[in-house]
Amino acid sequence: MADLPKPRVTPSRPFTHTGVDFTGQVEVKANKGRGIKTTKAYIAVFIWLSTKAIHIELVSDLSTAAFLAALKRLCARRGTPRHMYSDSGTNFVGAAKSLLKERREALQYYINSEFLGCISGWGIDWHFNAPSWPTAGGLWEAAVKSMKHHLKRVLGEQKLTFEELSTLLTQIEGCLNSRPLIAITDNIDDLDCLTPGHFLVHGPVLDPPLATDDCNRSLTAR
């Protein structure tokens, strides 16, 4: 078996190396009530490659504009990724081209040459898998499968509004970011485990809030 790729084993800021994939369509109600017309929506799943931390966004369609909006929300909450990885879907390719075009225009028209050298390395580098090679994106495919596992068992045949489904997806995100990765110690009586949430909020996301004294002791210990 070959070594893992560098983005999988190199320490980095959260979501510096990010994989992304879309799920199939879901039905969303226009508003609450029975007999309400439903529309299509899609779920974008972002995954931090080195820790498997997940970020989920509900999007209205598969257009480049909708995906760019989801990417902007990711950047605002988690920080701008340096490298993005995806399959060769047309919405991803379009987003990459749009970002590259906007960056080139900004560098050309709005930034002076002195400042240009300092930020020449800024921007998002997009890496596409070869066409017809779905196993190359196994990490984010597994994240989509885990998200669907929870979604189907909670949602069933229900139809939710956009706001309700967004809330549910955020709770599923918290659940997935609280899943155990490995044990922290070799002590069999120690039930603490390392989770993706440790790299985001220094602990499982779904843990109850710390008391003030506990928080102070935790910070002192670090």
C-alpha atoms as a PDB file:
ATOM      1  CA  MET A   1       0.000   0.000   0.000  1.00  0.00           C
ATOM      2  CA  ALA A   2       1.366   3.411  -0.961  1.00  0.00           C
ATOM      3  CA  ASP A   3       2.022   6.216   1.512  1.00  0.00           C
ATOM      4  CA  LEU A   4      -0.770   8.654   2.218  1.00  0.00           C
ATOM      5  CA  PRO A   5      -0.637  11.936   0.257  1.00  0.00           C
ATOM      6  CA  LYS A   6       1.081  14.853   1.976  1.00  0.00           C
ATOM      7  CA  PRO A   7      -2.186  16.807   2.574  1.00  0.00           C
ATOM      8  CA  ARG A   8      -3.419  13.865   4.675  1.00  0.00           C
ATOM      9  CA  VAL A   9      -0.452  13.851   7.070  1.00  0.00           C
ATOM     10  CA  THR A  10       0.876  17.435   7.088  1.00  0.00           C
ATOM     11  CA  PRO A  11      -0.225  19.661  10.029  1.00  0.00           C
ATOM     12  CA  SER A  12      -1.996  22.769   8.765  1.00  0.00           C
ATOM     13  CA  ARG A  13      -4.568  25.396   9.653  1.00  0.00           C
ATOM     14  CA  PRO A  14      -8.156  24.071   9.603  1.00  0.00           C
ATOM     15  CA  PHE A  15      -9.462  23.399   6.086  1.00  0.00           C
ATOM     16  CA  THR A  16      -6.215  24.395   4.370  1.00  0.00           C
ATOM     17  CA  HIS A  17      -6.563  21.214   2.297  1.00  0.00           C
ATOM     18  CA  THR A  18     -10.259  20.665   1.648  1.00  0.00           C
ATOM     19  CA  GLY A  19     -12.133  18.068  -0.365  1.00  0.00           C
ATOM     20  CA  VAL A  20     -15.677  18.763  -1.549  1.00  0.00           C
ATOM     21  CA  ASP A  21     -18.516  16.775  -3.024  1.00  0.00           C
ATOM     22  CA  PHE A  22     -22.253  17.136  -3.612  1.00  0.00           C
ATOM     23  CA  THR A  23     -25.004  14.718  -2.654  1.00  0.00           C
ATOM     24  CA  GLY A  24     -28.016  13.900  -4.768  1.00  0.00           C
ATOM     25  CA  GLN A  25     -31.041  16.137  -4.646  1.00  0.00           C
ATOM     26  CA  VAL A  26     -33.248  16.552  -1.583  1.00  0.00           C
ATOM     27  CA  GLU A  27     -36.798  17.874  -1.463  1.00  0.00           C
ATOM     28  CA  VAL A  28     -37.325  21.173   0.368  1.00  0.00           C
ATOM     29  CA  LYS A  29     -40.698  22.738   1.169  1.00  0.00           C
ATOM     30  CA  ALA A  30     -41.350  26.364   0.308  1.00  0.00           C
ATOM     31  CA  ASN A  31     -42.928  26.918   3.745  1.00  0.00           C
ATOM     32  CA  LYS A  32     -44.561  25.003   6.588  1.00  0.00           C
ATOM     33  CA  GLY A  33     -47.863  23.172   6.237  1.00  0.00           C
ATOM     34  CA  ARG A  34     -49.403  20.250   4.413  1.00  0.00           C
ATOM     35  CA  GLY A  35     -49.632  19.993   0.671  1.00  0.00           C
ATOM     36  CA  ILE A  36     -46.925  22.608   0.185  1.00  0.00           C
ATOM     37  CA  LYS A  37     -45.003  22.532  -3.072  1.00  0.00           C
ATOM     38  CA  THR A  38     -41.428  21.278  -2.791  1.00  0.00           C
ATOM     39  CA  THR A  39     -38.321  22.294  -4.682  1.00  0.00           C
ATOM     40  CA  LYS A  40     -34.959  20.646  -5.243  1.00  0.00           C
ATOM     41  CA  ALA A  41     -31.896  21.430  -3.162  1.00  0.00           C
ATOM     42  CA  TYR A  42     -28.455  19.882  -2.786  1.00  0.00           C
ATOM     43  CA  ILE A  43     -25.947  19.369   0.000  1.00  0.00           C
ATOM     44  CA  ALA A  44     -22.274  20.314  -0.293  1.00  0.00           C
ATOM     45  CA  VAL A  45     -19.943  18.406   2.020  1.00  0.00           C
ATOM     46  CA  PHE A  46     -16.489  19.891   2.699  1.00  0.00           C
ATOM     47  CA  ILE A  47     -13.878  17.797   4.516  1.00  0.00           C
ATOM     48  CA  TRP A  48     -10.527  18.801   6.003  1.00  0.00           C
ATOM     49  CA  LEU A  49      -8.210  16.139   4.641  1.00  0.00           C
ATOM     50  CA  SER A  50      -5.790  15.763   7.550  1.00  0.00           C
ATOM     51  CA  THR A  51      -8.342  15.482  10.381  1.00  0.00           C
ATOM     52  CA  LYS A  52     -11.586  14.499   8.595  1.00  0.00           C
ATOM     53  CA  ALA A  53     -13.404  17.456  10.122  1.00  0.00           C
ATOM     54  CA  ILE A  54     -16.555  18.204   8.110  1.00  0.00           C
ATOM     55  CA  HIS A  55     -18.417  21.328   7.080  1.00  0.00           C
ATOM     56  CA  ILE A  56     -21.880  20.995   5.481  1.00  0.00           C
ATOM     57  CA  GLU A  57     -23.742  23.565   3.389  1.00  0.00           C
ATOM     58  CA  LEU A  58     -27.243  23.380   1.905  1.00  0.00           C
ATOM     59  CA  VAL A  59     -27.371  24.914  -1.599  1.00  0.00           C
ATOM     60  CA  SER A  60     -30.308  25.690  -3.842  1.00  0.00           C
ATOM     61  CA  ASP A  61     -28.939  24.184  -7.076  1.00  0.00           C
ATOM     62  CA  LEU A  62     -25.836  22.794  -8.777  1.00  0.00           C
ATOM     63  CA  SER A  63     -24.842  26.029 -10.497  1.00  0.00           C
ATOM     64  CA  THR A  64     -21.419  27.602 -10.170  1.00  0.00           C
ATOM     65  CA  ALA A  65     -22.945  30.669  -8.469  1.00  0.00           C
ATOM     66  CA  ALA A  66     -24.629  28.548  -5.790  1.00  0.00           C
ATOM     67  CA  PHE A  67     -21.443  26.625  -5.117  1.00  0.00           C
ATOM     68  CA  LEU A  68     -19.385  29.835  -4.897  1.00  0.00           C
ATOM     69  CA  ALA A  69     -21.851  31.139  -2.312  1.00  0.00           C
ATOM     70  CA  ALA A  70     -21.408  27.942  -0.282  1.00  0.00           C
ATOM     71  CA  LEU A  71     -17.630  28.268  -0.603  1.00  0.00           C
ATOM     72  CA  LYS A  72     -17.781  31.864   0.635  1.00  0.00           C
ATOM     73  CA  ARG A  73     -19.720  30.714   3.707  1.00  0.00           C
ATOM     74  CA  LEU A  74     -17.058  28.089   4.363  1.00  0.00           C
ATOM     75  CA  CYS A  75     -14.302  30.697   4.063  1.00  0.00           C
ATOM     76  CA  ALA A  76     -16.117  33.090   6.411  1.00  0.00           C
ATOM     77  CA  ARG A  77     -16.562  30.436   9.109  1.00  0.00           C
ATOM     78  CA  ARG A  78     -13.509  28.195   8.777  1.00  0.00           C
ATOM     79  CA  GLY A  79     -10.960  30.261   6.888  1.00  0.00           C
ATOM     80  CA  THR A  80     -10.042  30.274   3.205  1.00  0.00           C
ATOM     81  CA  PRO A  81      -8.670  26.939   1.942  1.00  0.00           C
ATOM     82  CA  ARG A  82      -5.310  26.945   0.188  1.00  0.00           C
ATOM     83  CA  HIS A  83      -6.008  23.790  -1.797  1.00  0.00           C
ATOM     84  CA  MET A  84      -9.365  22.393  -2.917  1.00  0.00           C
ATOM     85  CA  TYR A  85      -9.883  18.851  -4.174  1.00  0.00           C
ATOM     86  CA  SER A  86     -12.891  17.556  -6.091  1.00  0.00           C
ATOM     87  CA  ASP A  87     -14.046  15.493  -9.022  1.00  0.00           C
ATOM     88  CA  SER A  88     -14.426  17.072 -12.452  1.00  0.00           C
ATOM     89  CA  GLY A  89     -18.036  18.215 -12.031  1.00  0.00           C
ATOM     90  CA  THR A  90     -18.988  21.188 -14.200  1.00  0.00           C
ATOM     91  CA  ASN A  91     -19.973  23.319 -11.196  1.00  0.00           C
ATOM     92  CA  PHE A  92     -16.553  22.767  -9.587  1.00  0.00           C
ATOM     93  CA  VAL A  93     -14.702  23.480 -12.834  1.00  0.00           C
ATOM     94  CA  GLY A  94     -16.767  26.618 -13.353  1.00  0.00           C
ATOM     95  CA  ALA A  95     -16.086  27.795  -9.797  1.00  0.00           C
ATOM     96  CA  ALA A  96     -12.363  27.279 -10.205  1.00  0.00           C
ATOM     97  CA  LYS A  97     -12.316  29.213 -13.481  1.00  0.00           C
ATOM     98  CA  SER A  98     -14.400  32.012 -11.979  1.00  0.00           C
ATOM     99  CA  LEU A  99     -12.136  32.326  -8.916  1.00  0.00           C
ATOM    100  CA  LEU A 100      -9.016  32.299 -11.079  1.00  0.00           C
ATOM    101  CA  LYS A 101     -10.434  34.951 -13.407  1.00  0.00           C
ATOM    102  CA  GLU A 102     -11.470  37.223 -10.529  1.00  0.00           C
ATOM    103  CA  ARG A 103      -8.098  36.813  -8.838  1.00  0.00           C
ATOM    104  CA  ARG A 104      -6.218  37.666 -12.031  1.00  0.00           C
ATOM    105  CA  GLU A 105      -8.380  40.754 -12.565  1.00  0.00           C
ATOM    106  CA  ALA A 106      -7.809  41.852  -8.962  1.00  0.00           C
ATOM    107  CA  LEU A 107      -4.071  41.363  -9.256  1.00  0.00           C
ATOM    108  CA  GLN A 108      -3.975  43.188 -12.563  1.00  0.00           C
ATOM    109  CA  TYR A 109      -6.201  46.175 -11.861  1.00  0.00           C
ATOM    110  CA  TYR A 110      -6.494  46.706  -8.127  1.00  0.00           C
ATOM    111  CA  ILE A 111      -3.126  45.779  -6.618  1.00  0.00           C
ATOM    112  CA  ASN A 112       0.129  47.664  -7.161  1.00  0.00           C
ATOM    113  CA  SER A 113       3.330  45.871  -8.136  1.00  0.00           C
ATOM    114  CA  GLU A 114       4.945  46.366  -4.712  1.00  0.00           C
ATOM    115  CA  PHE A 115       2.108  44.567  -2.988  1.00  0.00           C
ATOM    116  CA  LEU A 116       1.852  41.980  -5.756  1.00  0.00           C
ATOM    117  CA  GLY A 117       5.044  40.197  -4.707  1.00  0.00           C
ATOM    118  CA  CYS A 118       3.754  39.746  -1.159  1.00  0.00           C
ATOM    119  CA  ILE A 119       0.506  38.057  -2.139  1.00  0.00           C
ATOM    120  CA  SER A 120       1.568  36.233  -5.277  1.00  0.00           C
ATOM    121  CA  GLY A 121       1.076  32.960  -3.439  1.00  0.00           C
ATOM    122  CA  TRP A 122      -2.444  33.802  -2.267  1.00  0.00           C
ATOM    123  CA  GLY A 123      -5.515  32.230  -3.816  1.00  0.00           C
ATOM    124  CA  ILE A 124      -7.057  28.776  -3.988  1.00  0.00           C
ATOM    125  CA  ASP A 125      -5.351  26.026  -5.952  1.00  0.00           C
ATOM    126  CA  TRP A 126      -7.921  23.596  -7.329  1.00  0.00           C
ATOM    127  CA  HIS A 127      -7.036  19.952  -7.891  1.00  0.00           C
ATOM    128  CA  PHE A 128      -9.373  17.810 -10.002  1.00  0.00           C
ATOM    129  CA  ASN A 129      -9.490  14.050 -10.069  1.00  0.00           C
ATOM    130  CA  ALA A 130      -9.156  12.319 -13.390  1.00  0.00           C
ATOM    131  CA  PRO A 131     -12.545  11.757 -15.104  1.00  0.00           C
ATOM    132  CA  SER A 132     -14.288   8.430 -14.410  1.00  0.00           C
ATOM    133  CA  TRP A 133     -12.123   7.778 -11.334  1.00  0.00           C
ATOM    134  CA  PRO A 134     -14.532   8.058  -8.367  1.00  0.00           C
ATOM    135  CA  THR A 135     -12.311   6.106  -5.944  1.00  0.00           C
ATOM    136  CA  ALA A 136      -9.725   8.913  -6.081  1.00  0.00           C
ATOM    137  CA  GLY A 137     -12.063  10.972  -3.893  1.00  0.00           C
ATOM    138  CA  GLY A 138     -12.708   8.242  -1.365  1.00  0.00           C
ATOM    139  CA  LEU A 139     -12.277  10.560   1.624  1.00  0.00           C
ATOM    140  CA  TRP A 140     -15.091  12.948   0.709  1.00  0.00           C
ATOM    141  CA  GLU A 141     -17.212  10.128  -0.707  1.00  0.00           C
ATOM    142  CA  ALA A 142     -17.023   8.505   2.734  1.00  0.00           C
ATOM    143  CA  ALA A 143     -18.004  11.829   4.344  1.00  0.00           C
ATOM    144  CA  VAL A 144     -21.075  12.030   2.106  1.00  0.00           C
ATOM    145  CA  LYS A 145     -21.998   8.447   3.050  1.00  0.00           C
ATOM    146  CA  SER A 146     -21.697   9.235   6.769  1.00  0.00           C
ATOM    147  CA  MET A 147     -23.831  12.355   6.389  1.00  0.00           C
ATOM    148  CA  LYS A 148     -26.530  10.415   4.508  1.00  0.00           C
ATOM    149  CA  HIS A 149     -26.498   7.714   7.205  1.00  0.00           C
ATOM    150  CA  HIS A 150     -27.644  10.235   9.806  1.00  0.00           C
ATOM    151  CA  LEU A 151     -29.887  12.229   7.486  1.00  0.00           C
ATOM    152  CA  LYS A 152     -31.967   9.243   6.378  1.00  0.00           C
ATOM    153  CA  ARG A 153     -32.498   8.016   9.932  1.00  0.00           C
ATOM    154  CA  VAL A 154     -33.559  11.408  11.241  1.00  0.00           C
ATOM    155  CA  LEU A 155     -35.464  12.690   8.228  1.00  0.00           C
ATOM    156  CA  GLY A 156     -37.147   9.540   6.925  1.00  0.00           C
ATOM    157  CA  GLU A 157     -39.902  10.545   4.499  1.00  0.00           C
ATOM    158  CA  GLN A 158     -40.405  14.007   6.004  1.00  0.00           C
ATOM    159  CA  LYS A 159     -40.058  17.160   3.934  1.00  0.00           C
ATOM    160  CA  LEU A 160     -38.517  20.142   5.719  1.00  0.00           C
ATOM    161  CA  THR A 161     -38.234  23.816   4.895  1.00  0.00           C
ATOM    162  CA  PHE A 162     -34.881  25.248   3.840  1.00  0.00           C
ATOM    163  CA  GLU A 163     -34.299  26.658   7.330  1.00  0.00           C
ATOM    164  CA  GLU A 164     -35.252  23.413   9.094  1.00  0.00           C
ATOM    165  CA  LEU A 165     -33.047  21.306   6.822  1.00  0.00           C
ATOM    166  CA  SER A 166     -30.127  23.727   7.243  1.00  0.00           C
ATOM    167  CA  THR A 167     -30.469  23.391  11.015  1.00  0.00           C
ATOM    168  CA  LEU A 168     -30.602  19.599  10.816  1.00  0.00           C
ATOM    169  CA  LEU A 169     -27.520  19.475   8.587  1.00  0.00           C
ATOM    170  CA  THR A 170     -25.621  21.693  11.015  1.00  0.00           C
ATOM    171  CA  GLN A 171     -26.501  19.320  13.864  1.00  0.00           C
ATOM    172  CA  ILE A 172     -25.329  16.367  11.774  1.00  0.00           C
ATOM    173  CA  GLU A 173     -22.097  18.281  11.117  1.00  0.00           C
ATOM    174  CA  GLY A 174     -21.614  18.640  14.873  1.00  0.00           C
ATOM    175  CA  CYS A 175     -22.291  14.932  15.360  1.00  0.00           C
ATOM    176  CA  LEU A 176     -19.754  13.925  12.702  1.00  0.00           C
ATOM    177  CA  ASN A 177     -17.163  16.309  14.148  1.00  0.00           C
ATOM    178  CA  SER A 178     -17.643  14.646  17.548  1.00  0.00           C
ATOM    179  CA  ARG A 179     -17.033  11.101  16.309  1.00  0.00           C
ATOM    180  CA  PRO A 180     -14.015   9.286  17.805  1.00  0.00           C
ATOM    181  CA  LEU A 181     -10.870   8.942  15.722  1.00  0.00           C
ATOM    182  CA  ILE A 182      -8.376   7.328  18.116  1.00  0.00           C
ATOM    183  CA  ALA A 183      -7.893   6.914  21.857  1.00  0.00           C
ATOM    184  CA  ILE A 184      -5.949   9.725  23.526  1.00  0.00           C
ATOM    185  CA  THR A 185      -4.113   7.445  25.976  1.00  0.00           C
ATOM    186  CA  ASP A 186      -3.286   3.754  26.293  1.00  0.00           C
ATOM    187  CA  ASN A 187      -5.221   3.509  29.555  1.00  0.00           C
ATOM    188  CA  ILE A 188      -8.211   1.215  29.010  1.00  0.00           C
ATOM    189  CA  ASP A 189     -10.149   3.056  31.719  1.00  0.00           C
ATOM    190  CA  ASP A 190      -9.729   6.393  29.937  1.00  0.00           C
ATOM    191  CA  LEU A 191     -12.807   6.897  27.768  1.00  0.00           C
ATOM    192  CA  ASP A 192     -11.623  10.162  26.225  1.00  0.00           C
ATOM    193  CA  CYS A 193     -10.869  10.004  22.525  1.00  0.00           C
ATOM    194  CA  LEU A 194      -9.549  12.331  19.857  1.00  0.00           C
ATOM    195  CA  THR A 195     -12.249  13.776  17.583  1.00  0.00           C
ATOM    196  CA  PRO A 196     -12.216  16.173  14.617  1.00  0.00           C
ATOM    197  CA  GLY A 197     -13.730  18.725  16.993  1.00  0.00           C
ATOM    198  CA  HIS A 198     -10.490  18.816  18.992  1.00  0.00           C
ATOM    199  CA  PHE A 199      -8.844  20.537  16.028  1.00  0.00           C
ATOM    200  CA  LEU A 200     -11.686  23.072  15.736  1.00  0.00           C
ATOM    201  CA  VAL A 201     -12.938  23.834  19.265  1.00  0.00           C
ATOM    202  CA  HIS A 202     -10.431  21.839  21.396  1.00  0.00           C
ATOM    203  CA  GLY A 203     -12.951  19.128  22.168  1.00  0.00           C
ATOM    204  CA  PRO A 204     -15.973  17.199  20.859  1.00  0.00           C
ATOM    205  CA  VAL A 205     -18.419  19.705  19.381  1.00  0.00           C
ATOM    206  CA  LEU A 206     -21.447  18.151  21.113  1.00  0.00           C
ATOM    207  CA  ASP A 207     -19.884  18.135  24.580  1.00  0.00           C
ATOM    208  CA  PRO A 208     -21.789  20.129  27.223  1.00  0.00           C
ATOM    209  CA  PRO A 209     -20.348  23.595  27.923  1.00  0.00           C
ATOM    210  CA  LEU A 210     -17.472  23.779  30.371  1.00  0.00           C
ATOM    211  CA  ALA A 211     -17.883  25.497  33.718  1.00  0.00           C
ATOM    212  CA  THR A 212     -15.718  28.592  34.167  1.00  0.00           C
ATOM    213  CA  ASP A 213     -13.339  26.816  36.577  1.00  0.00           C
ATOM    214  CA  ASP A 214     -13.029  23.819  34.249  1.00  0.00           C
ATOM    215  CA  CYS A 215     -12.227  26.108  31.339  1.00  0.00           C
ATOM    216  CA  ASN A 216      -9.540  27.924  33.329  1.00  0.00           C
ATOM    217  CA  ARG A 217      -7.963  24.646  34.438  1.00  0.00           C
ATOM    218  CA  SER A 218      -8.013  23.364  30.850  1.00  0.00           C
ATOM    219  CA  LEU A 219      -6.266  26.472  29.552  1.00  0.00           C
ATOM    220  CA  THR A 220      -3.719  26.345  32.397  1.00  0.00           C
ATOM    221  CA  ALA A 221      -2.938  22.714  31.628  1.00  0.00           C
ATOM    222  CA  ARG A 222      -2.157  23.619  28.010  1.00  0.00           C
END
